[in-house]
Protein backbone atom coordinates (compact mmCIF):
# COMPACT_ATOMS: atom_id res chain seq x y z
CA MET A 1 108.82 108.98 114.34
CA THR A 2 111.28 109.26 111.37
CA PRO A 3 109.61 109.97 107.77
CA LEU A 4 110.38 107.10 105.03
CA PRO A 5 113.56 107.39 102.76
CA MET A 6 112.29 108.72 99.36
CA LYS A 7 113.63 109.21 96.32
CA SER A 8 115.61 112.55 95.82
CA ALA A 9 114.14 113.75 92.87
CA ALA A 10 110.93 115.73 94.02
CA THR A 11 108.51 115.01 90.73
CA PRO A 12 104.63 115.45 91.54
CA SER A 13 104.13 111.43 91.99
CA GLU A 14 106.99 111.27 94.79
CA ALA A 15 105.89 114.47 96.89
CA THR A 16 102.55 112.98 97.15
CA ALA A 17 103.63 109.73 98.05
CA ALA A 18 106.07 111.28 100.48
CA THR A 19 102.51 112.96 101.88
CA VAL A 20 101.78 109.47 102.17
CA SER A 21 104.96 108.38 103.85
CA ARG A 22 104.73 111.15 106.41
CA ALA A 23 101.03 110.88 107.25
CA ALA A 24 101.32 106.97 107.65
CA ASN A 25 104.31 107.63 109.98
CA GLY A 26 102.25 110.11 111.99
CA THR A 27 104.34 113.27 111.16
CA SER A 28 102.89 116.35 110.32
CA ALA A 29 102.28 116.31 106.67
CA ALA A 30 102.40 118.97 104.51
CA SER A 31 98.73 120.79 103.95
CA LYS A 32 99.99 121.16 100.07
CA SER A 33 98.31 117.52 99.55
CA GLY A 34 94.87 118.97 100.30
CA ALA A 35 93.28 115.49 101.16
CA GLY A 36 91.65 114.71 104.31
CA SER A 37 90.77 116.75 107.44
CA GLN A 38 94.09 116.32 108.73
CA GLY A 39 95.61 117.53 105.44
CA HIS A 40 96.92 114.31 103.93
CA GLN A 41 95.92 110.66 102.39
CA ALA A 42 95.96 107.18 103.78
CA LEU A 43 97.83 105.25 101.62
CA SER A 44 94.64 103.07 100.26
CA ALA A 45 92.64 106.53 99.66
CA TYR A 46 95.68 108.12 97.69
CA ILE A 47 95.24 104.61 95.42
CA GLN A 48 91.95 105.41 94.89
CA ALA A 49 92.24 108.84 93.86
CA ARG A 50 95.24 107.48 91.35
CA PHE A 51 93.42 104.54 90.16
CA ASP A 52 92.59 105.13 86.71
CA GLU A 53 96.37 106.52 86.13
CA PHE A 54 97.52 103.04 86.59
CA SER A 55 98.32 99.81 84.08
CA ARG A 56 96.13 96.99 83.76
CA SER A 57 98.29 94.80 85.88
CA GLN A 58 99.01 97.68 88.56
CA LYS A 59 95.14 97.93 89.03
CA ASP A 60 95.04 94.43 90.16
CA VAL A 61 97.80 95.41 92.87
CA ALA A 62 95.54 98.41 93.80
CA GLN A 63 92.29 96.80 93.86
CA TYR A 64 93.88 93.98 96.09
CA ILE A 65 95.59 96.26 98.20
CA VAL A 66 92.80 98.67 99.05
CA ASP A 67 90.23 95.41 99.85
CA HIS A 68 93.27 93.72 101.76
CA LEU A 69 95.06 96.33 103.36
CA ASP A 70 96.31 93.87 106.36
CA GLU A 71 97.59 91.36 103.73
CA ALA A 72 99.53 94.26 102.06
CA ALA A 73 100.94 95.27 105.39
CA PHE A 74 102.36 92.05 106.56
CA GLN A 75 102.91 89.78 103.53
CA THR A 76 106.12 89.77 101.33
CA ALA A 77 106.01 91.27 97.68
CA GLU A 78 105.50 87.79 96.38
CA GLU A 79 103.06 86.58 98.29
CA LEU A 80 100.95 89.94 97.75
CA ALA A 81 101.68 89.12 94.08
CA ARG A 82 100.25 85.56 94.12
CA ARG A 83 97.13 86.68 95.75
CA ALA A 84 96.74 89.58 93.12
CA SER A 85 97.34 87.37 90.24
CA THR A 86 100.30 89.01 89.03
CA SER A 87 104.02 89.21 89.31
CA SER A 88 106.33 90.42 91.92
CA SER A 89 107.96 92.86 89.81
CA THR A 90 104.61 94.54 89.04
CA VAL A 91 104.27 95.16 92.70
CA VAL A 92 107.64 96.98 92.96
CA ARG A 93 106.25 98.98 89.88
CA PHE A 94 103.49 99.34 91.51
CA SER A 95 105.51 101.05 94.10
CA GLN A 96 107.47 102.98 92.16
CA ALA A 97 104.38 104.43 90.53
CA LEU A 98 102.99 105.98 93.71
CA GLY A 99 106.41 107.57 94.02
CA PHE A 100 108.19 105.05 97.14
CA GLU A 101 111.54 103.76 96.25
CA GLY A 102 110.19 99.88 96.50
CA PHE A 103 107.34 98.03 98.08
CA PRO A 104 109.00 98.21 101.54
CA GLU A 105 108.30 101.65 101.93
CA LEU A 106 104.75 101.06 100.26
CA GLN A 107 104.14 98.23 103.16
CA GLN A 108 105.80 101.08 105.75
CA ALA A 109 103.24 103.30 104.73
CA ALA A 110 100.40 100.25 104.64
CA ARG A 111 101.22 99.00 108.41
CA GLU A 112 100.63 102.81 109.65
CA GLU A 113 97.27 103.14 108.09
CA TYR A 114 96.31 99.35 109.36
CA ARG A 115 96.99 100.37 112.77
CA ARG A 116 95.62 103.30 112.87
CA ARG A 117 92.11 101.92 111.82
CA PRO A 118 89.54 101.26 114.91
CA ALA A 119 89.65 97.86 116.08
CA ASN A 120 86.10 97.11 114.68
CA ALA A 121 87.13 97.96 111.28
CA THR A 122 90.38 95.21 111.20
CA SER A 123 89.13 92.47 108.40
CA ALA A 124 90.45 89.14 107.83
CA ALA A 125 93.49 89.57 109.95
CA VAL A 126 91.55 88.20 112.98
CA VAL A 127 92.14 84.94 111.20
CA ALA A 128 95.84 84.87 113.31
CA THR A 129 93.28 83.83 116.28
CA PRO A 130 92.30 80.20 115.27
CA LEU A 131 88.62 79.12 116.15
CA PHE A 132 90.02 76.04 117.32
CA SER A 133 91.41 74.66 120.74
CA LEU A 134 94.17 72.80 118.77
CA ASP A 135 96.98 74.04 117.33
CA HIS A 136 96.27 76.55 114.25
CA THR A 137 96.77 73.99 111.49
CA GLU A 138 96.76 75.09 107.75
CA PHE A 139 93.18 73.18 107.32
CA GLU A 140 91.86 75.64 110.66
CA SER A 141 93.45 78.33 109.11
CA ALA A 142 91.74 78.22 105.87
CA LEU A 143 88.34 77.14 107.73
CA ALA A 144 89.00 80.58 110.25
CA ALA A 145 89.51 82.75 107.39
CA ASP A 146 86.11 81.21 106.10
CA HIS A 147 84.21 82.13 109.13
CA VAL A 148 86.12 85.78 109.00
CA ASN A 149 85.15 86.09 105.83
CA VAL A 150 81.12 85.31 105.96
CA GLU A 151 81.37 88.08 109.08
CA GLU A 152 83.28 90.50 106.83
CA THR A 153 80.94 90.61 103.79
CA ALA A 154 77.92 90.97 106.32
CA ARG A 155 79.15 94.15 108.11
CA LYS A 156 80.11 95.53 104.78
CA LEU A 157 76.90 94.79 102.98
CA SER A 158 74.54 97.87 102.66
CA ARG A 159 70.97 96.57 103.53
CA THR A 160 69.84 99.28 100.90
CA ALA A 161 71.56 97.43 98.40
CA VAL A 162 70.68 94.22 99.32
CA GLU A 163 67.06 95.24 99.11
CA ALA A 164 67.72 96.86 95.95
CA ALA A 165 68.98 93.87 94.66
CA VAL A 166 66.10 91.32 95.72
CA GLU A 167 63.71 94.26 94.34
CA ALA A 168 65.49 94.09 90.84
CA ILE A 169 65.42 90.09 90.86
CA VAL A 170 61.55 90.31 91.70
CA THR A 171 60.73 92.70 89.32
CA ALA A 172 62.62 91.37 86.25
CA GLU A 173 61.17 89.86 83.40
CA ARG A 174 64.38 87.73 82.84
CA VAL A 175 67.49 87.53 85.01
CA LEU A 176 70.72 86.99 82.76
CA ILE A 177 73.68 86.05 85.07
CA ALA A 178 77.41 86.52 83.75
CA GLY A 179 80.16 84.51 84.96
CA THR A 180 83.29 83.15 83.62
CA ASP A 181 85.75 80.43 84.87
CA GLN A 182 85.23 79.88 88.65
CA MET A 183 82.30 82.09 88.73
CA ALA A 184 80.68 80.37 86.50
CA PHE A 185 79.73 77.80 88.74
CA PHE A 186 78.29 80.22 91.18
CA ALA A 187 76.41 81.67 88.14
CA SER A 188 74.69 78.32 87.67
CA TYR A 189 74.01 77.72 91.40
CA MET A 190 72.17 81.40 91.57
CA ARG A 191 70.27 80.26 88.15
CA HIS A 192 69.15 77.02 89.84
CA LEU A 193 68.00 79.01 93.14
CA LEU A 194 66.02 81.53 91.19
CA MET A 195 64.52 78.41 88.86
CA LEU A 196 63.23 76.59 91.99
CA LEU A 197 61.39 80.06 92.50
CA ASP A 198 59.84 79.85 88.91
CA LEU A 199 61.67 82.65 88.17
CA ARG A 200 63.31 83.32 84.23
CA ALA A 201 66.92 82.89 84.61
CA GLU A 202 69.85 82.52 82.10
CA ILE A 203 73.74 82.27 82.35
CA VAL A 204 76.36 83.73 80.26
CA ALA A 205 79.65 81.49 81.13
CA SER A 206 81.69 81.45 77.83
CA PRO A 207 81.43 83.32 74.35
CA SER A 208 79.69 80.69 72.82
CA GLN A 209 76.64 81.17 69.89
CA GLU A 210 74.11 80.38 72.28
CA ALA A 211 75.30 82.52 75.11
CA LEU A 212 75.98 85.54 72.39
CA GLY A 213 72.25 85.08 71.27
CA ARG A 214 71.27 85.48 75.27
CA LEU A 215 73.41 88.91 75.31
CA SER A 216 71.52 89.94 72.09
CA ARG A 217 68.17 89.94 73.78
CA ILE A 218 69.30 92.16 76.67
CA ASP A 219 66.40 94.55 77.40
CA GLU A 220 65.31 97.26 79.71
CA ARG A 221 63.34 94.14 81.43
CA THR A 222 66.21 92.12 81.67
CA LEU A 223 68.46 92.12 84.96
CA VAL A 224 72.00 91.44 84.05
CA VAL A 225 74.06 90.17 87.16
CA GLY A 226 77.94 90.03 86.67
CA LEU A 227 79.96 87.74 88.82
CA SER A 228 83.68 88.66 89.26
CA ALA A 229 86.74 87.66 91.35
CA GLY A 230 89.90 89.92 90.99
CA ARG A 231 90.21 90.77 87.20
CA PRO A 232 86.75 90.07 85.56
CA HIS A 233 86.91 88.54 82.52
CA PRO A 234 86.60 90.98 79.10
CA LEU A 235 82.94 89.04 78.38
CA ILE A 236 81.80 89.95 81.87
CA THR A 237 83.05 93.72 81.23
CA ARG A 238 81.26 93.40 77.93
CA THR A 239 77.79 91.94 78.89
CA MET A 240 77.89 95.03 81.45
CA LYS A 241 78.31 97.41 79.11
CA LEU A 242 75.85 96.44 77.24
CA ALA A 243 73.20 96.18 79.37
CA ARG A 244 74.08 99.80 80.51
CA HIS A 245 74.02 100.47 76.84
CA ARG A 246 70.71 99.27 76.43
CA LYS A 247 69.47 100.61 79.57
CA ALA A 248 69.22 96.84 81.53
CA PRO A 249 68.83 97.03 85.47
CA THR A 250 72.62 95.82 86.58
CA LEU A 251 74.20 93.99 89.34
CA ALA A 252 77.42 93.30 90.35
CA ILE A 253 78.78 90.83 92.62
CA THR A 254 82.30 91.23 93.39
CA ASP A 255 85.33 90.73 95.55
CA ALA A 256 87.07 93.99 94.20
CA THR A 257 85.68 97.41 95.14
CA LEU A 258 87.46 99.14 92.51
CA SER A 259 86.29 96.18 90.04
CA GLU A 260 85.26 97.43 86.51
CA VAL A 261 82.18 95.41 87.07
CA ALA A 262 81.24 97.07 90.04
CA LYS A 263 81.79 100.62 88.10
CA LEU A 264 79.66 99.65 85.35
CA ALA A 265 76.68 98.32 87.49
CA ARG A 266 73.86 100.69 89.40
CA ILE A 267 73.76 97.83 92.43
CA LYS A 268 77.02 96.43 94.00
CA LEU A 269 77.45 93.86 96.42
CA TYR A 270 81.09 93.24 97.41
CA TYR A 271 82.10 89.91 99.30
CA SER A 272 85.24 89.26 101.33
CA SER A 273 87.70 86.58 99.82
CA ASN A 274 90.88 86.60 102.00
CA THR A 275 92.17 83.41 102.54
CA PRO A 276 95.63 81.43 103.56
CA ALA A 277 95.49 79.04 100.68
CA PHE A 278 96.65 79.48 97.16
CA VAL A 279 93.24 80.32 95.27
CA ARG A 280 90.83 83.02 96.68
CA SER A 281 87.82 82.05 99.14
CA HIS A 282 84.26 82.07 98.05
CA THR A 283 82.51 80.91 100.57
CA ALA A 284 81.19 84.01 101.68
CA LEU A 285 80.19 84.45 97.77
CA LEU A 286 77.72 81.20 98.17
CA SER A 287 76.50 82.72 101.28
CA LEU A 288 75.64 85.73 99.77
CA ILE A 289 73.99 84.20 96.87
CA GLN A 290 71.69 81.85 98.91
CA ALA A 291 70.97 84.74 101.15
CA LEU A 292 69.80 86.96 98.29
CA ALA A 293 67.83 83.97 97.03
CA TYR A 294 66.08 83.59 100.26
CA GLY A 295 65.13 87.14 100.05
CA VAL A 296 63.45 86.81 97.08
CA TYR A 297 61.55 83.69 98.69
CA ALA A 298 60.65 85.85 101.81
CA ARG A 299 58.66 88.16 99.69
CA ASP A 300 55.95 85.88 99.32
CA SER A 301 56.83 82.66 100.76
CA GLN A 302 53.31 80.95 100.39
CA GLN A 303 53.44 81.47 96.91
CA TYR A 304 56.75 80.37 96.47
CA ASP A 305 56.19 77.02 98.31
CA VAL A 306 54.06 76.33 95.69
CA ARG A 307 55.62 76.94 92.85
CA ILE A 308 59.06 75.35 94.62
CA LYS A 309 56.60 72.30 94.93
CA ALA A 310 55.34 72.14 91.10
CA PHE A 311 59.01 72.83 90.23
CA ARG A 312 60.16 69.34 91.90
CA LEU A 313 57.57 67.49 90.66
CA LYS A 314 58.31 68.31 86.98
């Protein structure tokens, strides 16, 4: 294949991006890059390696491309920007920051990497195949995406991480769940499920005086759970940093593997949020939270049944 057109100026960033382009097109990439067993880096690996260099808005684009390569490969810059909660100009600037002339060149590299992935590694692009025998309507497309998200989440979850999360919940003296905006609902629901098991659970959903008081009581016996979708709210980031500083156990549940919340947590659980709709899908998040609660329940179902019965009679 013909290498992707790149800028003539051979800056280090552009030279590396050219290597990514050549690798994506299947040509012999110079071993100068020194990345990967075949002498080159895939686009997603290259983005992860340079992640800390990007601006805050560019990190939003980077996170989304790494976790949703199929969408980056086949959507327009405007569609990608909307899903990454940023602007199309940021998508273009991000492409140029990698050394590409613009988004089309980055997209070509994404397409080539996507096509070279094993069939069982593909993600929500499976949404293109409807679950229904009827014509593929928008309604069906959204339902099909949620179906794929749950499957994708189940495949990517580590059993070790899940067991560690359940153990952390069971052994914690107190569970503090932090989630703002749309995540506040899921924080509240997780609290409800844990309280049914007679576990002490509290939430932080806003920088209110009451919530800040709960943060002040974080200690080594408190499990801090951070929920985030896309760019984390500053309150969630501060909560996780405080927990880390006070040596409290931490659990991050997020849809971005490069999320700052995940970096600050000891235990990390990822869920898929792909959707053709105008907002992220949180169906897999809801399933994950319910499965965690059931995992806790299964540790001692007979004893928990007694607690649930007593709770309902209150």
